[in-house]
Amino acid sequence: MRELQLLRLNILMSFNTQLFKSFIAVSVALVGLSLKLGDIDNNNLGEDSLAELFEMLKDVETESITINEERIASFPKGIQQAQVDEAGKFAYPATCNATNPIIDYPYCFHGTLEQGEKTTIDAKVDFFDIDDPRDNTVIGMTAVYDGKTQSELHVHAGGDAQIISYGNKKKAAATIFLKAYDEELSQSSGLGDTTKENFVAIPHFKIYGLNRLLSDIDVQPGENSKSYVFAGKPYNLGFNVSVYVEKTVKLGIKVGGALDLSLTTVKNNITNWLLKGTARVVVKPPIGPNFNFPYDYISATIAI
């Protein structure tokens, strides 16, 4: 009996010793991380800590690229057929509209196409809020062609939604909001036979690292943000949102965010459309390499 009690005591002591060692190891790791973050906050990051930071960023970059490649591989291949009724009203995915999102689709491409002596296309994309799909940001246009001449072009833009969130806040992550409205910024412009109508698209980037909000960037219209619908020779038309902005944080490290959204006809065919959306976070240390964290949001070729 005494031997059994001694055995139990030894096992308990061994377990407590391992638990204590694990506690010490975790404590040391947390203290080390706190010190590193403290060094960043106090602008005291040394060469060793900087090298460790670079190594961590490289690991996260590699992981981010691998995950994104898997995401790209999961996108539907080939041309996707929209639902089209006799009146020319279309929707992809089928039955979607601004108030009826379809599960697993962060967007709805919908509108109407009327073809005849005059061709009128009304095409919009609703980008749904990832937390509350009742909210969305809509971007689109109405274009009229009189024979081979583009005669009208109007913008559709509105709403405010959190459209993208990716990564791991414990390592690196980004959340992107997009607000849009069709207040005219300037007179219609264009190059040659292509007409452009500008609209306002304001992305809001929140970029995280090591469970901290590293950068909170609210983009304003200007050089860093270009958003417009366009229409040219039959049937070269669509919209484009292209934004890149960066902000300097601690130690001269720059953190940037990019968002690109586009809808274009494929080979000027008014019944075939390419919808694309990508995002990217960039970390630029004052020395050494830059680090990129990509995210392909949407990619679909759609027939109407």
Protein backbone atom coordinates (compact mmCIF):
# COMPACT_ATOMS: atom_id res chain seq x y z
CA MET A 1 0.00 0.00 0.00
CA ARG A 2 2.80 2.39 0.91
CA GLU A 3 4.57 1.62 -2.38
CA LEU A 4 1.40 2.50 -4.29
CA GLN A 5 1.12 5.81 -2.42
CA LEU A 6 4.75 6.62 -3.19
CA LEU A 7 4.18 5.84 -6.87
CA ARG A 8 1.16 8.16 -6.97
CA LEU A 9 3.18 10.88 -5.24
CA ASN A 10 6.02 10.56 -7.76
CA ILE A 11 3.59 10.74 -10.69
CA LEU A 12 1.90 13.81 -9.20
CA MET A 13 5.26 15.51 -8.59
CA SER A 14 6.36 14.69 -12.14
CA PHE A 15 3.11 16.08 -13.55
CA ASN A 16 3.40 19.24 -11.48
CA THR A 17 7.02 19.65 -12.57
CA GLN A 18 6.02 19.41 -16.27
CA LEU A 19 3.12 21.77 -15.68
CA PHE A 20 5.44 24.21 -13.95
CA LYS A 21 7.95 23.98 -16.82
CA SER A 22 5.16 24.58 -19.35
CA PHE A 23 3.95 27.54 -17.34
CA ILE A 24 7.48 28.94 -17.23
CA ALA A 25 7.91 28.41 -20.99
CA VAL A 26 4.63 30.14 -21.81
CA SER A 27 5.42 32.95 -19.39
CA VAL A 28 8.85 33.48 -20.93
CA ALA A 29 7.31 33.52 -24.44
CA LEU A 30 4.68 36.06 -23.39
CA VAL A 31 7.27 38.20 -21.66
CA GLY A 32 9.47 38.01 -24.76
CA LEU A 33 6.60 39.05 -27.01
CA SER A 34 5.67 41.87 -24.66
CA LEU A 35 9.26 43.07 -24.65
CA LYS A 36 9.41 43.00 -28.45
CA LEU A 37 6.17 44.96 -28.72
CA GLY A 38 7.49 47.28 -26.05
CA ASP A 39 10.65 47.77 -28.08
CA ILE A 40 8.53 48.69 -31.10
CA ASP A 41 6.43 51.11 -29.06
CA ASN A 42 9.57 52.68 -27.58
CA ASN A 43 11.47 52.72 -30.89
CA ASN A 44 14.17 50.47 -29.39
CA LEU A 45 14.04 47.54 -31.81
CA GLY A 46 17.58 46.17 -32.12
CA GLU A 47 19.17 44.18 -34.92
CA ASP A 48 18.29 40.81 -33.36
CA SER A 49 14.67 41.81 -32.76
CA LEU A 50 14.46 43.26 -36.27
CA ALA A 51 15.77 40.00 -37.72
CA GLU A 52 13.16 38.07 -35.71
CA LEU A 53 10.46 40.44 -36.96
CA PHE A 54 11.59 39.91 -40.57
CA GLU A 55 11.57 36.13 -40.08
CA MET A 56 8.06 36.23 -38.63
CA LEU A 57 6.78 38.45 -41.46
CA LYS A 58 8.34 36.15 -44.06
CA ASP A 59 6.65 33.11 -42.49
CA VAL A 60 3.28 34.87 -42.41
CA GLU A 61 3.76 36.09 -46.00
CA THR A 62 4.46 32.53 -47.19
CA GLU A 63 1.43 31.22 -45.29
CA SER A 64 -0.77 34.01 -46.69
CA ILE A 65 0.30 33.31 -50.27
CA THR A 66 -0.33 29.57 -49.87
CA ILE A 67 -3.81 30.13 -48.42
CA ASN A 68 -4.63 32.59 -51.20
CA GLU A 69 -3.52 30.14 -53.90
CA GLU A 70 -5.89 27.58 -52.39
CA ARG A 71 -8.66 30.18 -52.45
CA ILE A 72 -8.00 30.98 -56.12
CA ALA A 73 -8.15 27.26 -56.95
CA SER A 74 -11.61 27.10 -55.33
CA PHE A 75 -13.14 29.75 -57.62
CA PRO A 76 -15.58 28.46 -60.28
CA LYS A 77 -13.87 27.64 -63.57
CA GLY A 78 -15.15 28.55 -67.00
CA ILE A 79 -18.13 30.75 -67.86
CA GLN A 80 -20.92 30.90 -65.28
CA GLN A 81 -24.45 31.28 -66.65
CA ALA A 82 -26.62 33.97 -65.08
CA GLN A 83 -30.35 33.52 -64.66
CA VAL A 84 -32.08 35.51 -67.45
CA ASP A 85 -35.82 36.01 -67.96
CA GLU A 86 -37.75 36.90 -71.12
CA ALA A 87 -37.57 40.62 -70.36
CA GLY A 88 -33.77 40.53 -70.25
CA LYS A 89 -33.52 40.75 -66.47
CA PHE A 90 -30.50 38.81 -65.23
CA ALA A 91 -28.92 37.76 -61.94
CA TYR A 92 -25.87 35.80 -60.88
CA PRO A 93 -26.01 33.82 -58.74
CA ALA A 94 -29.57 32.90 -59.67
CA THR A 95 -32.39 34.70 -57.78
CA CYS A 96 -30.02 37.13 -56.03
CA ASN A 97 -30.73 40.83 -55.75
CA ALA A 98 -29.75 43.73 -53.51
CA THR A 99 -31.79 42.35 -50.61
CA ASN A 100 -31.41 38.64 -51.31
CA PRO A 101 -27.80 37.46 -51.02
CA ILE A 102 -27.03 33.83 -51.81
CA ILE A 103 -24.97 31.86 -49.28
CA ASP A 104 -21.26 31.51 -50.16
CA TYR A 105 -21.47 34.41 -52.65
CA PRO A 106 -20.21 37.76 -51.30
CA TYR A 107 -21.77 39.60 -54.25
CA CYS A 108 -24.75 39.76 -56.61
CA PHE A 109 -24.33 40.74 -60.29
CA HIS A 110 -27.69 41.80 -61.67
CA GLY A 111 -29.48 44.14 -64.05
CA THR A 112 -31.23 44.21 -67.41
CA LEU A 113 -30.13 43.97 -71.03
CA GLU A 114 -32.35 45.23 -73.86
CA GLN A 115 -31.04 44.72 -77.39
CA GLY A 116 -32.48 46.23 -80.56
CA GLU A 117 -31.96 49.37 -82.63
CA LYS A 118 -30.90 50.82 -79.32
CA THR A 119 -29.06 48.65 -76.83
CA THR A 120 -29.44 49.47 -73.14
CA ILE A 121 -27.47 47.71 -70.42
CA ASP A 122 -28.05 48.27 -66.73
CA ALA A 123 -25.45 46.30 -64.76
CA LYS A 124 -24.79 46.49 -61.03
CA VAL A 125 -22.78 44.56 -58.46
CA ASP A 126 -23.86 44.49 -54.82
CA PHE A 127 -20.97 43.71 -52.48
CA PHE A 128 -22.53 42.36 -49.28
CA ASP A 129 -21.42 43.11 -45.72
CA ILE A 130 -19.75 39.99 -44.30
CA ASP A 131 -21.34 40.51 -40.85
CA ASP A 132 -24.77 41.76 -41.91
CA PRO A 133 -25.70 41.00 -45.55
CA ARG A 134 -28.62 43.40 -45.25
CA ASP A 135 -25.95 46.06 -45.74
CA ASN A 136 -24.14 46.35 -49.05
CA THR A 137 -22.13 48.61 -51.32
CA VAL A 138 -23.42 48.82 -54.88
CA ILE A 139 -21.44 49.87 -57.96
CA GLY A 140 -22.69 49.80 -61.53
CA MET A 141 -23.73 51.73 -64.60
CA THR A 142 -26.38 52.23 -67.24
CA ALA A 143 -25.14 52.62 -70.81
CA VAL A 144 -27.09 53.21 -74.00
CA TYR A 145 -25.81 52.49 -77.50
CA ASP A 146 -27.56 53.89 -80.57
CA GLY A 147 -26.28 51.52 -83.20
CA LYS A 148 -22.51 51.67 -82.90
CA THR A 149 -22.50 54.97 -81.02
CA GLN A 150 -22.41 55.15 -77.23
CA SER A 151 -24.98 57.84 -76.38
CA GLU A 152 -25.55 57.68 -72.61
CA LEU A 153 -23.61 56.65 -69.51
CA HIS A 154 -24.79 56.90 -65.91
CA VAL A 155 -23.23 55.83 -62.61
CA HIS A 156 -24.88 53.77 -59.88
CA ALA A 157 -22.98 53.90 -56.58
CA GLY A 158 -24.05 53.80 -52.95
CA GLY A 159 -23.91 52.06 -49.60
CA ASP A 160 -21.34 51.27 -46.95
CA ALA A 161 -20.28 47.73 -46.04
CA GLN A 162 -17.49 45.64 -44.54
CA ILE A 163 -16.69 43.58 -47.62
CA ILE A 164 -13.39 41.83 -46.80
CA SER A 165 -11.74 40.34 -43.72
CA TYR A 166 -8.82 37.96 -43.95
CA GLY A 167 -5.78 36.71 -42.10
CA ASN A 168 -5.19 36.03 -38.42
CA LYS A 169 -5.07 39.00 -36.06
CA LYS A 170 -2.59 37.09 -33.85
CA LYS A 171 -0.15 37.29 -36.78
CA ALA A 172 -1.35 39.62 -39.55
CA ALA A 173 -4.84 40.47 -40.79
CA ALA A 174 -6.86 43.09 -42.61
CA THR A 175 -10.46 44.26 -42.65
CA ILE A 176 -11.71 46.46 -45.49
CA PHE A 177 -14.86 48.57 -45.54
CA LEU A 178 -16.10 50.24 -48.73
CA LYS A 179 -18.36 53.26 -48.98
CA ALA A 180 -19.51 54.53 -52.37
CA TYR A 181 -21.73 57.30 -53.73
CA ASP A 182 -22.32 58.84 -57.12
CA GLU A 183 -21.63 62.49 -56.41
CA GLU A 184 -20.07 63.78 -59.60
CA LEU A 185 -16.43 64.73 -59.04
CA SER A 186 -15.86 66.28 -62.45
CA GLN A 187 -17.28 66.56 -65.92
CA SER A 188 -17.39 63.46 -68.07
CA SER A 189 -13.97 62.66 -69.42
CA GLY A 190 -12.51 60.13 -71.77
CA LEU A 191 -9.87 59.16 -74.22
CA GLY A 192 -10.88 58.89 -77.87
CA ASP A 193 -14.21 57.11 -78.14
CA THR A 194 -14.33 56.09 -74.47
CA THR A 195 -16.38 58.10 -71.97
CA LYS A 196 -15.69 58.00 -68.22
CA GLU A 197 -17.89 59.04 -65.33
CA ASN A 198 -16.16 59.33 -61.96
CA PHE A 199 -17.77 58.41 -58.67
CA VAL A 200 -16.64 58.34 -55.04
CA ALA A 201 -15.36 55.10 -53.50
CA ILE A 202 -13.87 55.36 -50.01
CA PRO A 203 -12.18 52.23 -48.65
CA HIS A 204 -11.38 52.03 -44.95
CA PHE A 205 -8.50 49.71 -44.08
CA LYS A 206 -7.90 48.23 -40.63
CA ILE A 207 -4.61 46.34 -40.52
CA TYR A 208 -3.66 44.14 -37.57
CA GLY A 209 -0.49 42.46 -36.38
CA LEU A 210 0.27 40.52 -33.19
CA ASN A 211 -3.25 41.20 -31.92
CA ARG A 212 -2.76 44.93 -32.32
CA LEU A 213 -4.36 47.47 -34.64
CA LEU A 214 -1.30 48.62 -36.57
CA SER A 215 -2.95 50.98 -38.99
CA ASP A 216 -6.40 52.50 -39.42
CA ILE A 217 -6.60 54.24 -42.80
CA ASP A 218 -9.65 56.07 -44.14
CA VAL A 219 -8.99 56.84 -47.80
CA GLN A 220 -10.30 60.03 -49.38
CA PRO A 221 -10.90 60.67 -53.10
CA GLY A 222 -7.79 61.81 -54.91
CA GLU A 223 -4.58 60.47 -56.36
CA ASN A 224 -4.68 57.34 -54.20
CA SER A 225 -8.26 56.44 -55.12
CA LYS A 226 -9.56 56.22 -58.69
CA SER A 227 -13.11 55.09 -59.33
CA TYR A 228 -15.08 55.39 -62.55
CA VAL A 229 -17.46 53.74 -64.98
CA PHE A 230 -16.58 53.75 -68.66
CA ALA A 231 -18.16 53.05 -72.04
CA GLY A 232 -16.47 52.97 -75.43
CA LYS A 233 -16.99 51.37 -78.80
CA PRO A 234 -19.51 48.53 -78.72
CA TYR A 235 -19.29 47.03 -76.26
CA ASN A 236 -16.26 48.07 -74.26
CA LEU A 237 -17.69 49.07 -70.89
CA GLY A 238 -17.57 48.46 -67.16
CA PHE A 239 -16.34 50.00 -63.91
CA ASN A 240 -13.07 50.18 -62.03
CA VAL A 241 -12.07 50.92 -58.43
CA SER A 242 -8.34 51.10 -57.76
CA VAL A 243 -6.92 52.22 -54.42
CA TYR A 244 -3.52 52.06 -52.77
CA VAL A 245 -2.63 53.96 -49.63
CA GLU A 246 0.03 53.58 -46.96
CA LYS A 247 0.77 54.99 -43.54
CA THR A 248 3.95 55.16 -41.48
CA VAL A 249 3.72 53.46 -38.09
CA LYS A 250 6.52 52.79 -35.58
CA LEU A 251 10.23 52.85 -36.48
CA GLY A 252 9.57 54.20 -39.95
CA ILE A 253 7.75 51.00 -40.95
CA LYS A 254 5.11 51.70 -43.60
CA VAL A 255 1.91 49.68 -43.76
CA GLY A 256 -0.13 49.86 -46.94
CA GLY A 257 -3.48 48.62 -48.18
CA ALA A 258 -4.71 48.06 -51.73
CA LEU A 259 -8.16 47.33 -53.13
CA ASP A 260 -9.05 46.70 -56.77
CA LEU A 261 -12.56 45.96 -58.03
CA SER A 262 -13.55 45.77 -61.68
CA LEU A 263 -16.35 44.69 -63.96
CA THR A 264 -15.65 44.59 -67.70
CA THR A 265 -17.05 43.04 -70.84
CA VAL A 266 -15.01 40.14 -72.23
CA LYS A 267 -13.70 40.91 -75.73
CA ASN A 268 -16.33 43.66 -76.05
CA ASN A 269 -19.12 41.08 -75.87
CA ILE A 270 -22.06 42.63 -74.03
CA THR A 271 -23.30 39.22 -72.88
CA ASN A 272 -19.99 38.12 -71.30
CA TRP A 273 -18.61 39.87 -68.21
CA LEU A 274 -15.54 39.48 -66.02
CA LEU A 275 -15.89 40.41 -62.34
CA LYS A 276 -12.64 40.70 -60.37
CA GLY A 277 -11.74 41.79 -56.87
CA THR A 278 -8.41 41.69 -55.05
CA ALA A 279 -6.94 43.14 -51.87
CA ARG A 280 -3.40 43.36 -50.55
CA VAL A 281 -1.57 44.42 -47.41
CA VAL A 282 2.03 45.59 -47.74
CA VAL A 283 4.57 46.01 -44.94
CA LYS A 284 7.60 48.13 -45.83
CA PRO A 285 10.39 48.22 -43.23
CA PRO A 286 12.85 51.12 -43.57
CA ILE A 287 15.49 48.56 -44.55
CA GLY A 288 15.27 45.09 -46.00
CA PRO A 289 12.55 43.51 -48.14
CA ASN A 290 8.89 44.44 -48.43
CA PHE A 291 6.26 41.89 -47.39
CA ASN A 292 3.01 41.32 -49.30
CA PHE A 293 -0.14 39.62 -48.03
CA PRO A 294 -2.57 39.07 -50.96
CA TYR A 295 -6.24 38.19 -50.97
CA ASP A 296 -8.25 37.34 -54.08
CA TYR A 297 -11.80 38.35 -53.19
CA ILE A 298 -13.78 37.61 -56.35
CA SER A 299 -13.11 36.13 -59.79
CA ALA A 300 -15.91 35.08 -62.13
CA THR A 301 -16.69 35.16 -65.84
CA ILE A 302 -20.46 35.47 -66.24
CA ALA A 303 -22.70 35.07 -69.30
CA ILE A 304 -26.07 36.83 -69.50
